[in-house]
Amino acid sequence: MTRRLPKSSLGTAFVALVATLTAHSTPAFAEDYDVAFVKAFADACVPQRMSYPGTVDTARAAGWRDAERTANAELDALMAKSEAEAEDPELQGTFEYTIFSRPVLEQDHYLVVSRASFIIGDEDDPLNPWVYIGCYLYNFDAKAPIGPGQVSALLEKPVGNRHLDDTLTSYVWGPPCPMPRTGDTYLTFVPEGSPHQAATGFSGLVLKFETSEPNPGEVVPETYC
């Protein structure tokens, strides 16, 4: 959705269920999920990260389907919070987004692509408006964090900051050299019932970054490396 301001047979079945649950808790599955989660983000968010319509088209080409924000209660609440923040009259902002859904290793995931424009300070400042393209991948049903290795490989950059405890797992990378105009990247896991849940607006796993939109005609180098 695009929105502006997505007797033996029983025993056999039981054994199959146990096998499935066991497989999904093994280190091999966890490693596979790390790879699949970050790849899903990279395929949708990186190629056209400086363009809102470009990223939307790229996500659809990668198999993401348009979804309603009401498809998930946490997603609905999260987007309502984002819309309310964007309506701050002092920012003179505009906010639009497209929501997608797709399974990743048979788990429901949601992708939000957004474009936010706002004024900071003097509206005549030539730097205004500030325009950012956001890309956010969510797994609201995640029960554990993933490691940072796959994201570090994608960004070609080590973790810059981390917070690890029972209430929050968070990794932050600074602007990636191979991706001009992209800011910090965040990988965050908020467990159900965490005191951070109220502040973040959700529980589960998210990988996200924002990229500043170039001015029309501006030439952006392929890399800063």
N, C-alpha and C. Protein backbone atom coordinates (compact mmCIF):
# COMPACT_ATOMS: atom_id res chain seq x y z
N MET A 1 0.83 -1.20 0.00
CA MET A 1 0.00 0.00 0.00
C MET A 1 0.87 1.24 0.00
N THR A 2 0.51 2.16 -0.86
CA THR A 2 1.19 3.45 -0.86
C THR A 2 0.34 4.44 -0.10
N ARG A 3 0.97 5.21 0.78
CA ARG A 3 0.23 6.15 1.61
C ARG A 3 0.95 7.47 1.63
N ARG A 4 0.19 8.52 1.48
CA ARG A 4 0.74 9.86 1.63
C ARG A 4 0.05 10.48 2.81
N LEU A 5 0.88 11.75 3.33
CA LEU A 5 0.31 12.69 4.32
C LEU A 5 0.22 13.98 3.66
N PRO A 6 1.28 -0.87 4.95
CA PRO A 6 0.91 -3.51 3.21
C PRO A 6 0.79 -5.63 4.14
N LYS A 7 -4.20 -42.75 15.06
CA LYS A 7 -3.29 -43.62 15.86
C LYS A 7 -1.91 -43.51 15.22
N SER A 8 -1.23 -43.37 13.96
CA SER A 8 0.13 -43.30 13.44
C SER A 8 0.32 -41.97 12.74
N SER A 9 -0.74 -41.61 12.08
CA SER A 9 -0.63 -40.34 11.36
C SER A 9 -0.44 -39.20 12.34
N LEU A 10 -1.10 -39.27 13.50
CA LEU A 10 -0.94 -38.25 14.53
C LEU A 10 0.49 -38.26 15.06
N GLY A 11 1.03 -39.45 15.27
CA GLY A 11 2.41 -39.54 15.74
C GLY A 11 3.38 -38.98 14.72
N THR A 12 3.13 -39.28 13.45
CA THR A 12 3.99 -38.76 12.39
C THR A 12 3.96 -37.24 12.35
N ALA A 13 2.76 -36.70 12.49
CA ALA A 13 2.61 -35.24 12.47
C ALA A 13 3.35 -34.61 13.64
N PHE A 14 3.27 -35.27 14.81
CA PHE A 14 3.93 -34.72 15.99
C PHE A 14 5.45 -34.72 15.81
N VAL A 15 5.96 -35.83 15.27
CA VAL A 15 7.40 -35.93 15.02
C VAL A 15 7.84 -34.86 14.04
N ALA A 16 7.03 -34.65 13.00
CA ALA A 16 7.37 -33.63 12.00
C ALA A 16 7.39 -32.24 12.62
N LEU A 17 6.42 -31.99 13.51
CA LEU A 17 6.37 -30.68 14.16
C LEU A 17 7.60 -30.47 15.03
N VAL A 18 7.96 -31.48 15.81
CA VAL A 18 9.14 -31.37 16.66
C VAL A 18 10.39 -31.14 15.81
N ALA A 19 10.48 -31.86 14.70
CA ALA A 19 11.65 -31.71 13.82
C ALA A 19 11.74 -30.31 13.26
N THR A 20 10.58 -29.75 12.90
CA THR A 20 10.56 -28.39 12.35
C THR A 20 10.99 -27.38 13.39
N LEU A 21 10.45 -27.50 14.60
CA LEU A 21 10.81 -26.57 15.66
C LEU A 21 12.29 -26.68 16.02
N THR A 22 12.79 -27.92 16.04
CA THR A 22 14.20 -28.11 16.35
C THR A 22 15.08 -27.51 15.28
N ALA A 23 14.72 -27.70 14.02
CA ALA A 23 15.51 -27.15 12.92
C ALA A 23 15.57 -25.65 12.98
N HIS A 24 14.45 -25.02 13.37
CA HIS A 24 14.39 -23.56 13.41
C HIS A 24 15.12 -22.98 14.61
N SER A 25 15.62 -23.85 15.50
CA SER A 25 16.34 -23.34 16.66
C SER A 25 17.83 -23.66 16.59
N THR A 26 18.27 -24.31 15.50
CA THR A 26 19.67 -24.70 15.39
C THR A 26 20.52 -23.54 14.94
N PRO A 27 21.84 -23.60 15.24
CA PRO A 27 22.74 -22.56 14.77
C PRO A 27 22.73 -22.42 13.26
N ALA A 28 22.59 -23.54 12.54
CA ALA A 28 22.58 -23.47 11.07
C ALA A 28 21.41 -22.64 10.58
N PHE A 29 20.23 -22.85 11.18
CA PHE A 29 19.07 -22.05 10.77
C PHE A 29 19.29 -20.59 11.10
N ALA A 30 19.85 -20.31 12.28
CA ALA A 30 20.10 -18.93 12.67
C ALA A 30 21.04 -18.26 11.69
N GLU A 31 22.09 -18.98 11.27
CA GLU A 31 23.03 -18.41 10.30
C GLU A 31 22.34 -18.17 8.97
N ASP A 32 21.53 -19.13 8.53
CA ASP A 32 20.79 -18.97 7.28
C ASP A 32 19.86 -17.77 7.36
N TYR A 33 19.22 -17.58 8.50
CA TYR A 33 18.30 -16.45 8.64
C TYR A 33 19.05 -15.13 8.61
N ASP A 34 20.19 -15.06 9.27
CA ASP A 34 21.00 -13.84 9.22
C ASP A 34 21.26 -13.44 7.77
N VAL A 35 21.68 -14.41 6.97
CA VAL A 35 21.99 -14.15 5.56
C VAL A 35 20.74 -13.72 4.81
N ALA A 36 19.64 -14.45 5.00
CA ALA A 36 18.41 -14.16 4.26
C ALA A 36 17.83 -12.80 4.63
N PHE A 37 17.87 -12.46 5.91
CA PHE A 37 17.32 -11.19 6.37
C PHE A 37 18.09 -10.01 5.78
N VAL A 38 19.40 -10.06 5.86
CA VAL A 38 20.20 -8.95 5.35
C VAL A 38 20.13 -8.90 3.82
N LYS A 39 20.07 -10.04 3.17
CA LYS A 39 19.95 -10.06 1.71
C LYS A 39 18.63 -9.44 1.26
N ALA A 40 17.56 -9.75 1.98
CA ALA A 40 16.26 -9.16 1.64
C ALA A 40 16.32 -7.64 1.73
N PHE A 41 17.00 -7.14 2.74
CA PHE A 41 17.17 -5.69 2.89
C PHE A 41 18.03 -5.14 1.76
N ALA A 42 19.16 -5.77 1.52
CA ALA A 42 20.10 -5.27 0.51
C ALA A 42 19.47 -5.24 -0.88
N ASP A 43 18.76 -6.30 -1.25
CA ASP A 43 18.17 -6.38 -2.58
C ASP A 43 17.13 -5.29 -2.82
N ALA A 44 16.38 -4.96 -1.78
CA ALA A 44 15.31 -3.97 -1.93
C ALA A 44 15.79 -2.54 -1.70
N CYS A 45 16.68 -2.36 -0.74
CA CYS A 45 16.98 -1.00 -0.25
C CYS A 45 18.22 -0.35 -0.83
N VAL A 46 19.18 -1.12 -1.27
CA VAL A 46 20.46 -0.53 -1.67
C VAL A 46 20.49 0.01 -3.10
N PRO A 47 20.03 -0.73 -4.12
CA PRO A 47 20.29 -0.31 -5.50
C PRO A 47 19.81 1.09 -5.86
N GLN A 48 18.62 1.48 -5.42
CA GLN A 48 18.05 2.78 -5.76
C GLN A 48 17.80 3.62 -4.50
N ARG A 49 18.70 3.51 -3.54
CA ARG A 49 18.46 4.09 -2.22
C ARG A 49 18.29 5.61 -2.24
N MET A 50 18.76 6.30 -3.29
CA MET A 50 18.64 7.76 -3.36
C MET A 50 17.34 8.21 -4.02
N SER A 51 16.49 7.25 -4.38
CA SER A 51 15.23 7.57 -5.07
C SER A 51 14.07 6.85 -4.40
N TYR A 52 13.05 7.59 -4.04
CA TYR A 52 11.86 6.96 -3.45
C TYR A 52 11.14 6.07 -4.47
N PRO A 53 10.76 6.60 -5.65
CA PRO A 53 10.10 5.71 -6.62
C PRO A 53 11.01 4.59 -7.09
N GLY A 54 12.31 4.87 -7.17
CA GLY A 54 13.24 3.83 -7.59
C GLY A 54 13.31 2.68 -6.60
N THR A 55 13.31 3.00 -5.30
CA THR A 55 13.35 1.96 -4.28
C THR A 55 12.03 1.19 -4.24
N VAL A 56 10.92 1.89 -4.42
CA VAL A 56 9.62 1.22 -4.47
C VAL A 56 9.60 0.21 -5.62
N ASP A 57 10.05 0.63 -6.79
CA ASP A 57 10.07 -0.27 -7.95
C ASP A 57 11.03 -1.44 -7.72
N THR A 58 12.17 -1.16 -7.11
CA THR A 58 13.15 -2.22 -6.83
C THR A 58 12.58 -3.25 -5.86
N ALA A 59 11.86 -2.78 -4.85
CA ALA A 59 11.25 -3.71 -3.88
C ALA A 59 10.24 -4.61 -4.57
N ARG A 60 9.42 -4.03 -5.42
CA ARG A 60 8.43 -4.86 -6.13
C ARG A 60 9.11 -5.88 -7.03
N ALA A 61 10.18 -5.46 -7.69
CA ALA A 61 10.91 -6.38 -8.57
C ALA A 61 11.57 -7.50 -7.77
N ALA A 62 11.86 -7.24 -6.49
CA ALA A 62 12.49 -8.25 -5.62
C ALA A 62 11.46 -9.17 -4.97
N GLY A 63 10.19 -9.02 -5.35
CA GLY A 63 9.16 -9.93 -4.85
C GLY A 63 8.32 -9.42 -3.70
N TRP A 64 8.53 -8.17 -3.30
CA TRP A 64 7.71 -7.60 -2.23
C TRP A 64 6.36 -7.18 -2.78
N ARG A 65 5.31 -7.44 -2.01
CA ARG A 65 3.94 -7.12 -2.44
C ARG A 65 3.38 -5.99 -1.59
N ASP A 66 2.64 -5.10 -2.23
CA ASP A 66 2.03 -3.98 -1.51
C ASP A 66 1.13 -4.51 -0.39
N ALA A 67 1.18 -3.86 0.75
CA ALA A 67 0.41 -4.29 1.92
C ALA A 67 -0.22 -3.09 2.60
N GLU A 68 -1.25 -3.36 3.38
CA GLU A 68 -1.88 -2.33 4.20
C GLU A 68 -1.15 -2.25 5.54
N ARG A 69 -1.08 -1.08 6.10
CA ARG A 69 -0.43 -0.94 7.41
C ARG A 69 -1.19 -1.70 8.49
N THR A 70 -2.50 -1.90 8.27
CA THR A 70 -3.32 -2.62 9.25
C THR A 70 -3.10 -4.14 9.20
N ALA A 71 -2.22 -4.60 8.30
CA ALA A 71 -1.93 -6.03 8.24
C ALA A 71 -1.26 -6.53 9.51
N ASN A 72 -0.66 -5.61 10.26
CA ASN A 72 0.01 -5.96 11.51
C ASN A 72 -0.23 -4.83 12.51
N ALA A 73 -0.67 -5.19 13.70
CA ALA A 73 -1.03 -4.16 14.69
C ALA A 73 0.16 -3.30 15.08
N GLU A 74 1.33 -3.90 15.24
CA GLU A 74 2.51 -3.12 15.62
C GLU A 74 2.93 -2.19 14.48
N LEU A 75 2.82 -2.69 13.26
CA LEU A 75 3.14 -1.85 12.11
C LEU A 75 2.18 -0.67 12.03
N ASP A 76 0.91 -0.91 12.26
CA ASP A 76 -0.09 0.15 12.22
C ASP A 76 0.23 1.22 13.26
N ALA A 77 0.55 0.80 14.47
CA ALA A 77 0.88 1.76 15.53
C ALA A 77 2.16 2.51 15.21
N LEU A 78 3.12 1.81 14.64
CA LEU A 78 4.40 2.43 14.29
C LEU A 78 4.21 3.51 13.23
N MET A 79 3.41 3.23 12.22
CA MET A 79 3.19 4.21 11.15
C MET A 79 2.37 5.39 11.65
N ALA A 80 1.43 5.13 12.55
CA ALA A 80 0.66 6.23 13.14
C ALA A 80 1.59 7.17 13.91
N LYS A 81 2.54 6.60 14.62
CA LYS A 81 3.52 7.40 15.37
C LYS A 81 4.37 8.22 14.41
N SER A 82 4.81 7.62 13.33
CA SER A 82 5.63 8.33 12.34
C SER A 82 4.86 9.47 11.69
N GLU A 83 3.59 9.22 11.38
CA GLU A 83 2.76 10.26 10.76
C GLU A 83 2.58 11.44 11.71
N ALA A 84 2.35 11.13 12.98
CA ALA A 84 2.15 12.20 13.96
C ALA A 84 3.40 13.06 14.09
N GLU A 85 4.57 12.43 14.09
CA GLU A 85 5.82 13.18 14.18
C GLU A 85 6.03 14.05 12.94
N ALA A 86 5.63 13.54 11.78
CA ALA A 86 5.81 14.28 10.53
C ALA A 86 4.88 15.49 10.44
N GLU A 87 3.83 15.50 11.24
CA GLU A 87 2.86 16.60 11.18
C GLU A 87 3.26 17.79 12.04
N ASP A 88 4.45 17.77 12.62
CA ASP A 88 4.94 18.90 13.41
C ASP A 88 4.95 20.15 12.52
N PRO A 89 4.14 21.17 12.83
CA PRO A 89 4.03 22.34 11.95
C PRO A 89 5.35 23.09 11.79
N GLU A 90 6.23 23.01 12.76
CA GLU A 90 7.50 23.73 12.66
C GLU A 90 8.40 23.15 11.58
N LEU A 91 8.18 21.90 11.23
CA LEU A 91 9.03 21.26 10.23
C LEU A 91 8.56 21.52 8.80
N GLN A 92 7.32 21.98 8.66
CA GLN A 92 6.75 22.21 7.32
C GLN A 92 7.02 20.98 6.43
N GLY A 93 6.77 19.82 7.00
CA GLY A 93 7.20 18.60 6.34
C GLY A 93 6.15 17.94 5.46
N THR A 94 6.63 17.05 4.62
CA THR A 94 5.79 16.13 3.87
C THR A 94 6.31 14.72 4.14
N PHE A 95 5.41 13.76 4.13
CA PHE A 95 5.79 12.39 4.46
C PHE A 95 4.94 11.44 3.63
N GLU A 96 5.59 10.59 2.88
CA GLU A 96 4.88 9.57 2.12
C GLU A 96 5.62 8.24 2.28
N TYR A 97 4.88 7.17 2.13
CA TYR A 97 5.52 5.87 2.30
C TYR A 97 4.75 4.79 1.56
N THR A 98 5.44 3.70 1.30
CA THR A 98 4.84 2.50 0.71
C THR A 98 5.20 1.32 1.60
N ILE A 99 4.22 0.49 1.89
CA ILE A 99 4.41 -0.68 2.75
C ILE A 99 4.32 -1.95 1.91
N PHE A 100 5.23 -2.86 2.18
CA PHE A 100 5.26 -4.14 1.48
C PHE A 100 5.31 -5.29 2.49
N SER A 101 4.93 -6.47 2.03
CA SER A 101 5.09 -7.67 2.85
C SER A 101 5.64 -8.80 1.99
N ARG A 102 6.33 -9.72 2.64
CA ARG A 102 6.90 -10.87 1.96
C ARG A 102 7.45 -11.82 3.00
N PRO A 103 7.34 -13.13 2.79
CA PRO A 103 7.97 -14.05 3.73
C PRO A 103 9.48 -14.14 3.49
N VAL A 104 10.22 -14.22 4.56
CA VAL A 104 11.66 -14.50 4.50
C VAL A 104 11.89 -15.75 5.33
N LEU A 105 12.32 -16.82 4.69
CA LEU A 105 12.42 -18.13 5.34
C LEU A 105 11.12 -18.48 6.06
N GLU A 106 10.01 -18.28 5.37
CA GLU A 106 8.67 -18.66 5.82
C GLU A 106 8.17 -17.83 7.00
N GLN A 107 8.81 -16.72 7.31
CA GLN A 107 8.34 -15.82 8.36
C GLN A 107 7.88 -14.51 7.71
N ASP A 108 6.76 -13.99 8.18
CA ASP A 108 6.24 -12.74 7.64
C ASP A 108 7.17 -11.57 7.97
N HIS A 109 7.48 -10.78 6.96
CA HIS A 109 8.29 -9.58 7.13
C HIS A 109 7.60 -8.41 6.45
N TYR A 110 7.91 -7.22 6.92
CA TYR A 110 7.35 -6.00 6.34
C TYR A 110 8.48 -5.04 5.98
N LEU A 111 8.32 -4.40 4.84
CA LEU A 111 9.29 -3.43 4.36
C LEU A 111 8.58 -2.09 4.20
N VAL A 112 9.15 -1.05 4.77
CA VAL A 112 8.60 0.29 4.63
C VAL A 112 9.62 1.15 3.90
N VAL A 113 9.18 1.75 2.80
CA VAL A 113 10.01 2.70 2.05
C VAL A 113 9.34 4.06 2.20
N SER A 114 10.11 5.06 2.60
CA SER A 114 9.51 6.36 2.88
C SER A 114 10.30 7.49 2.25
N ARG A 115 9.63 8.63 2.12
CA ARG A 115 10.29 9.87 1.70
C ARG A 115 9.79 10.98 2.62
N ALA A 116 10.71 11.61 3.32
CA ALA A 116 10.37 12.68 4.25
C ALA A 116 11.10 13.95 3.83
N SER A 117 10.37 15.05 3.79
CA SER A 117 10.95 16.35 3.45
C SER A 117 10.58 17.33 4.55
N PHE A 118 11.56 18.11 5.02
CA PHE A 118 11.26 19.05 6.10
C PHE A 118 12.23 20.22 6.08
N ILE A 119 11.84 21.29 6.77
CA ILE A 119 12.62 22.51 6.86
C ILE A 119 13.30 22.58 8.23
N ILE A 120 14.58 22.91 8.23
CA ILE A 120 15.31 23.11 9.48
C ILE A 120 15.81 24.55 9.51
N GLY A 121 15.42 25.28 10.57
CA GLY A 121 15.88 26.66 10.70
C GLY A 121 15.23 27.59 9.70
N ASP A 122 16.02 28.49 9.14
CA ASP A 122 15.54 29.49 8.19
C ASP A 122 15.11 28.81 6.89
N GLU A 123 13.85 29.00 6.51
CA GLU A 123 13.36 28.32 5.31
C GLU A 123 14.05 28.82 4.05
N ASP A 124 14.72 29.98 4.11
CA ASP A 124 15.47 30.47 2.96
C ASP A 124 16.88 29.90 2.87
N ASP A 125 17.26 29.12 3.87
CA ASP A 125 18.58 28.49 3.85
C ASP A 125 18.67 27.60 2.61
N PRO A 126 19.72 27.75 1.80
CA PRO A 126 19.82 26.95 0.57
C PRO A 126 19.89 25.45 0.81
N LEU A 127 20.19 25.04 2.04
CA LEU A 127 20.21 23.61 2.35
C LEU A 127 18.80 23.04 2.48
N ASN A 128 17.80 23.91 2.66
CA ASN A 128 16.42 23.44 2.78
C ASN A 128 15.79 23.25 1.41
N PRO A 129 14.84 22.30 1.32
CA PRO A 129 14.43 21.36 2.35
C PRO A 129 15.39 20.18 2.45
N TRP A 130 15.37 19.56 3.62
CA TRP A 130 16.11 18.32 3.82
C TRP A 130 15.19 17.17 3.41
N VAL A 131 15.68 16.30 2.54
CA VAL A 131 14.86 15.21 2.01
C VAL A 131 15.60 13.88 2.22
N TYR A 132 14.91 12.94 2.85
CA TYR A 132 15.52 11.65 3.13
C TYR A 132 14.64 10.50 2.63
N ILE A 133 15.29 9.52 2.03
CA ILE A 133 14.63 8.29 1.62
C ILE A 133 14.95 7.23 2.67
N GLY A 134 13.93 6.67 3.30
CA GLY A 134 14.14 5.67 4.34
C GLY A 134 13.77 4.28 3.86
N CYS A 135 14.48 3.28 4.35
CA CYS A 135 14.16 1.89 4.03
C CYS A 135 14.29 1.09 5.33
N TYR A 136 13.22 0.39 5.70
CA TYR A 136 13.12 -0.25 7.01
C TYR A 136 12.56 -1.67 6.83
N LEU A 137 13.29 -2.66 7.28
CA LEU A 137 12.85 -4.05 7.20
C LEU A 137 12.52 -4.55 8.60
N TYR A 138 11.28 -5.04 8.79
CA TYR A 138 10.80 -5.46 10.11
C TYR A 138 10.43 -6.94 10.13
N ASN A 139 10.77 -7.60 11.23
CA ASN A 139 10.22 -8.90 11.59
C ASN A 139 9.65 -8.75 13.00
N PHE A 140 8.36 -8.50 13.08
CA PHE A 140 7.73 -8.26 14.37
C PHE A 140 7.60 -9.52 15.21
N ASP A 141 7.80 -10.69 14.59
CA ASP A 141 7.69 -11.95 15.31
C ASP A 141 9.05 -12.51 15.73
N ALA A 142 10.12 -11.80 15.48
CA ALA A 142 11.46 -12.28 15.84
C ALA A 142 11.56 -12.49 17.34
N LYS A 143 12.17 -13.60 17.72
CA LYS A 143 12.34 -13.93 19.15
C LYS A 143 13.78 -13.76 19.62
N ALA A 144 14.67 -13.46 18.71
CA ALA A 144 16.08 -13.32 19.07
C ALA A 144 16.75 -12.37 18.09
N PRO A 145 17.84 -11.74 18.49
CA PRO A 145 18.56 -10.86 17.57
C PRO A 145 19.36 -11.67 16.56
N ILE A 146 19.86 -11.00 15.54
CA ILE A 146 20.83 -11.62 14.64
C ILE A 146 22.18 -10.95 14.88
N GLY A 147 23.23 -11.62 14.45
CA GLY A 147 24.56 -11.06 14.60
C GLY A 147 24.82 -9.95 13.60
N PRO A 148 25.83 -9.13 13.83
CA PRO A 148 26.11 -7.99 12.96
C PRO A 148 26.95 -8.31 11.73
N GLY A 149 27.47 -9.53 11.63
CA GLY A 149 28.44 -9.84 10.59
C GLY A 149 27.97 -9.59 9.17
N GLN A 150 26.75 -10.00 8.85
CA GLN A 150 26.24 -9.83 7.49
C GLN A 150 26.07 -8.36 7.13
N VAL A 151 25.66 -7.55 8.10
CA VAL A 151 25.50 -6.12 7.83
C VAL A 151 26.86 -5.47 7.64
N SER A 152 27.83 -5.84 8.46
CA SER A 152 29.18 -5.31 8.30
C SER A 152 29.74 -5.63 6.92
N ALA A 153 29.46 -6.85 6.44
CA ALA A 153 29.92 -7.23 5.11
C ALA A 153 29.24 -6.41 4.02
N LEU A 154 27.95 -6.17 4.18
CA LEU A 154 27.21 -5.37 3.20
C LEU A 154 27.75 -3.95 3.14
N LEU A 155 28.01 -3.37 4.28
CA LEU A 155 28.43 -1.97 4.35
C LEU A 155 29.94 -1.80 4.18
N GLU A 156 30.66 -2.93 4.24
CA GLU A 156 32.13 -2.89 4.19
C GLU A 156 32.66 -1.98 5.29
N LYS A 157 32.10 -2.19 6.49
CA LYS A 157 32.42 -1.30 7.60
C LYS A 157 32.18 -2.04 8.92
N PRO A 158 33.04 -1.87 9.91
CA PRO A 158 32.81 -2.51 11.21
C PRO A 158 31.73 -1.78 12.00
N VAL A 159 31.21 -2.47 12.99
CA VAL A 159 30.22 -1.85 13.88
C VAL A 159 30.85 -0.65 14.57
N GLY A 160 30.12 0.45 14.62
CA GLY A 160 30.63 1.65 15.27
C GLY A 160 30.21 1.76 16.72
N ASN A 161 29.03 1.22 17.04
CA ASN A 161 28.52 1.31 18.40
C ASN A 161 27.59 0.14 18.64
N ARG A 162 27.51 -0.32 19.86
CA ARG A 162 26.63 -1.45 20.17
C ARG A 162 26.10 -1.34 21.59
N HIS A 163 24.92 -1.92 21.79
CA HIS A 163 24.31 -2.00 23.12
C HIS A 163 23.72 -3.40 23.23
N LEU A 164 24.18 -4.17 24.21
CA LEU A 164 23.75 -5.55 24.35
C LEU A 164 23.33 -5.84 25.78
N ASP A 165 22.04 -6.04 25.99
CA ASP A 165 21.56 -6.52 27.28
C ASP A 165 20.23 -7.23 27.07
N ASP A 166 19.57 -7.62 28.16
CA ASP A 166 18.34 -8.40 28.05
C ASP A 166 17.17 -7.59 27.51
N THR A 167 17.27 -6.28 27.52
CA THR A 167 16.15 -5.45 27.09
C THR A 167 16.32 -4.86 25.70
N LEU A 168 17.54 -4.93 25.16
CA LEU A 168 17.79 -4.31 23.85
C LEU A 168 19.11 -4.81 23.28
N THR A 169 19.06 -5.18 22.00
CA THR A 169 20.29 -5.48 21.25
C THR A 169 20.34 -4.51 20.08
N SER A 170 21.38 -3.70 20.04
CA SER A 170 21.45 -2.67 19.01
C SER A 170 22.87 -2.53 18.47
N TYR A 171 22.97 -2.47 17.15
CA TYR A 171 24.25 -2.22 16.48
C TYR A 171 24.07 -1.01 15.57
N VAL A 172 25.08 -0.17 15.53
CA VAL A 172 25.03 1.02 14.68
C VAL A 172 26.32 1.10 13.87
N TRP A 173 26.16 1.36 12.58
CA TRP A 173 27.29 1.58 11.68
C TRP A 173 27.24 3.02 11.18
N GLY A 174 28.39 3.64 11.06
CA GLY A 174 28.44 4.98 10.49
C GLY A 174 28.21 4.95 8.99
N PRO A 175 28.18 6.11 8.34
CA PRO A 175 27.92 6.18 6.89
C PRO A 175 28.87 5.26 6.12
N PRO A 176 28.32 4.41 5.25
CA PRO A 176 29.15 3.44 4.53
C PRO A 176 29.85 4.06 3.32
N CYS A 177 31.14 3.86 3.24
CA CYS A 177 31.94 4.39 2.14
C CYS A 177 31.41 3.99 0.75
N PRO A 178 30.94 2.74 0.55
CA PRO A 178 30.48 2.36 -0.79
C PRO A 178 29.09 2.91 -1.14
N MET A 179 28.45 3.60 -0.22
CA MET A 179 27.08 4.07 -0.45
C MET A 179 26.97 5.56 -0.17
N PRO A 180 27.41 6.40 -1.10
CA PRO A 180 27.34 7.85 -0.89
C PRO A 180 25.94 8.32 -0.52
N ARG A 181 25.88 9.29 0.37
CA ARG A 181 24.68 9.96 0.84
C ARG A 181 23.87 9.14 1.85
N THR A 182 24.25 7.90 2.09
CA THR A 182 23.56 7.08 3.09
C THR A 182 24.15 7.36 4.47
N GLY A 183 23.27 7.54 5.45
CA GLY A 183 23.71 7.84 6.81
C GLY A 183 23.95 6.59 7.62
N ASP A 184 23.72 6.68 8.92
CA ASP A 184 23.95 5.55 9.81
C ASP A 184 22.98 4.41 9.50
N THR A 185 23.44 3.19 9.74
CA THR A 185 22.62 1.99 9.59
C THR A 185 22.39 1.39 10.97
N TYR A 186 21.15 0.97 11.23
CA TYR A 186 20.77 0.46 12.55
C TYR A 186 20.21 -0.96 12.43
N LEU A 187 20.72 -1.85 13.25
CA LEU A 187 20.17 -3.19 13.41
C LEU A 187 19.76 -3.32 14.87
N THR A 188 18.46 -3.50 15.11
CA THR A 188 17.93 -3.43 16.47
C THR A 188 16.98 -4.58 16.74
N PHE A 189 17.13 -5.20 17.91
CA PHE A 189 16.17 -6.20 18.38
C PHE A 189 15.61 -5.75 19.71
N VAL A 190 14.28 -5.67 19.78
CA VAL A 190 13.58 -5.30 21.01
C VAL A 190 12.73 -6.49 21.44
N PRO A 191 13.06 -7.17 22.55
CA PRO A 191 12.26 -8.31 22.97
C PRO A 191 10.88 -7.89 23.47
N GLU A 192 9.94 -8.80 23.35
CA GLU A 192 8.59 -8.55 23.85
C GLU A 192 8.64 -8.23 25.34
N GLY A 193 7.96 -7.15 25.73
CA GLY A 193 7.93 -6.75 27.12
C GLY A 193 9.08 -5.86 27.55
N SER A 194 9.98 -5.55 26.64
CA SER A 194 11.10 -4.67 26.98
C SER A 194 10.61 -3.27 27.31
N PRO A 195 11.25 -2.60 28.26
CA PRO A 195 10.87 -1.20 28.54
C PRO A 195 11.13 -0.28 27.35
N HIS A 196 11.95 -0.73 26.40
CA HIS A 196 12.22 0.09 25.21
C HIS A 196 11.10 -0.01 24.18
N GLN A 197 10.18 -0.93 24.38
CA GLN A 197 9.12 -1.15 23.41
C GLN A 197 8.25 0.09 23.24
N ALA A 198 7.98 0.79 24.33
CA ALA A 198 7.15 1.99 24.24
C ALA A 198 7.83 3.08 23.43
N ALA A 199 9.14 3.21 23.59
CA ALA A 199 9.88 4.25 22.87
C ALA A 199 10.02 3.93 21.39
N THR A 200 10.30 2.66 21.07
CA THR A 200 10.51 2.28 19.68
C THR A 200 9.19 2.09 18.93
N GLY A 201 8.13 1.75 19.67
CA GLY A 201 6.85 1.52 19.03
C GLY A 201 6.64 0.11 18.55
N PHE A 202 7.58 -0.79 18.81
CA PHE A 202 7.42 -2.16 18.34
C PHE A 202 8.33 -3.09 19.15
N SER A 203 8.09 -4.38 19.00
CA SER A 203 9.04 -5.39 19.46
C SER A 203 9.39 -6.25 18.26
N GLY A 204 10.57 -6.85 18.29
CA GLY A 204 11.02 -7.64 17.16
C GLY A 204 12.33 -7.11 16.62
N LEU A 205 12.54 -7.32 15.33
CA LEU A 205 13.81 -7.03 14.68
C LEU A 205 13.63 -6.02 13.56
N VAL A 206 14.55 -5.06 13.47
CA VAL A 206 14.51 -4.09 12.37
C VAL A 206 15.92 -3.81 11.88
N LEU A 207 16.05 -3.65 10.57
CA LEU A 207 17.28 -3.18 9.93
C LEU A 207 16.88 -1.98 9.09
N LYS A 208 17.59 -0.86 9.24
CA LYS A 208 17.14 0.36 8.57
C LYS A 208 18.30 1.30 8.28
N PHE A 209 18.12 2.11 7.24
CA PHE A 209 18.96 3.27 7.02
C PHE A 209 18.17 4.33 6.27
N GLU A 210 18.73 5.54 6.23
CA GLU A 210 18.14 6.64 5.47
C GLU A 210 19.22 7.25 4.59
N THR A 211 18.80 7.73 3.43
CA THR A 211 19.71 8.30 2.45
C THR A 211 19.20 9.66 2.03
N SER A 212 20.07 10.64 1.97
CA SER A 212 19.64 11.97 1.55
C SER A 212 19.43 11.99 0.04
N GLU A 213 18.33 12.58 -0.36
CA GLU A 213 17.98 12.65 -1.79
C GLU A 213 18.81 13.74 -2.48
N PRO A 214 19.46 13.43 -3.59
CA PRO A 214 20.24 14.45 -4.29
C PRO A 214 19.34 15.51 -4.91
N ASN A 215 19.90 16.69 -5.11
CA ASN A 215 19.18 17.72 -5.85
C ASN A 215 19.06 17.31 -7.31
N PRO A 216 18.03 17.77 -8.01
CA PRO A 216 17.90 17.44 -9.43
C PRO A 216 19.17 17.82 -10.20
N GLY A 217 19.66 16.89 -10.97
CA GLY A 217 20.85 17.15 -11.77
C GLY A 217 22.16 16.98 -11.03
N GLU A 218 22.11 16.75 -9.73
CA GLU A 218 23.34 16.58 -8.96
C GLU A 218 24.02 15.26 -9.31
N VAL A 219 25.32 15.32 -9.53
CA VAL A 219 26.09 14.12 -9.84
C VAL A 219 26.64 13.54 -8.55
N VAL A 220 26.30 12.30 -8.27
CA VAL A 220 26.75 11.63 -7.05
C VAL A 220 27.75 10.54 -7.43
N PRO A 221 28.93 10.54 -6.81
CA PRO A 221 29.91 9.49 -7.13
C PRO A 221 29.39 8.11 -6.75
N GLU A 222 29.88 7.10 -7.44
CA GLU A 222 29.44 5.74 -7.15
C GLU A 222 29.93 5.28 -5.78
N THR A 223 31.02 5.83 -5.33
CA THR A 223 31.57 5.45 -4.03
C THR A 223 32.38 6.60 -3.46
N TYR A 224 32.49 6.62 -2.14
CA TYR A 224 33.38 7.57 -1.47
C TYR A 224 34.71 6.91 -1.12
N CYS A 225 34.86 5.63 -1.45
CA CYS A 225 36.06 4.89 -1.06
C CYS A 225 37.27 5.33 -1.89
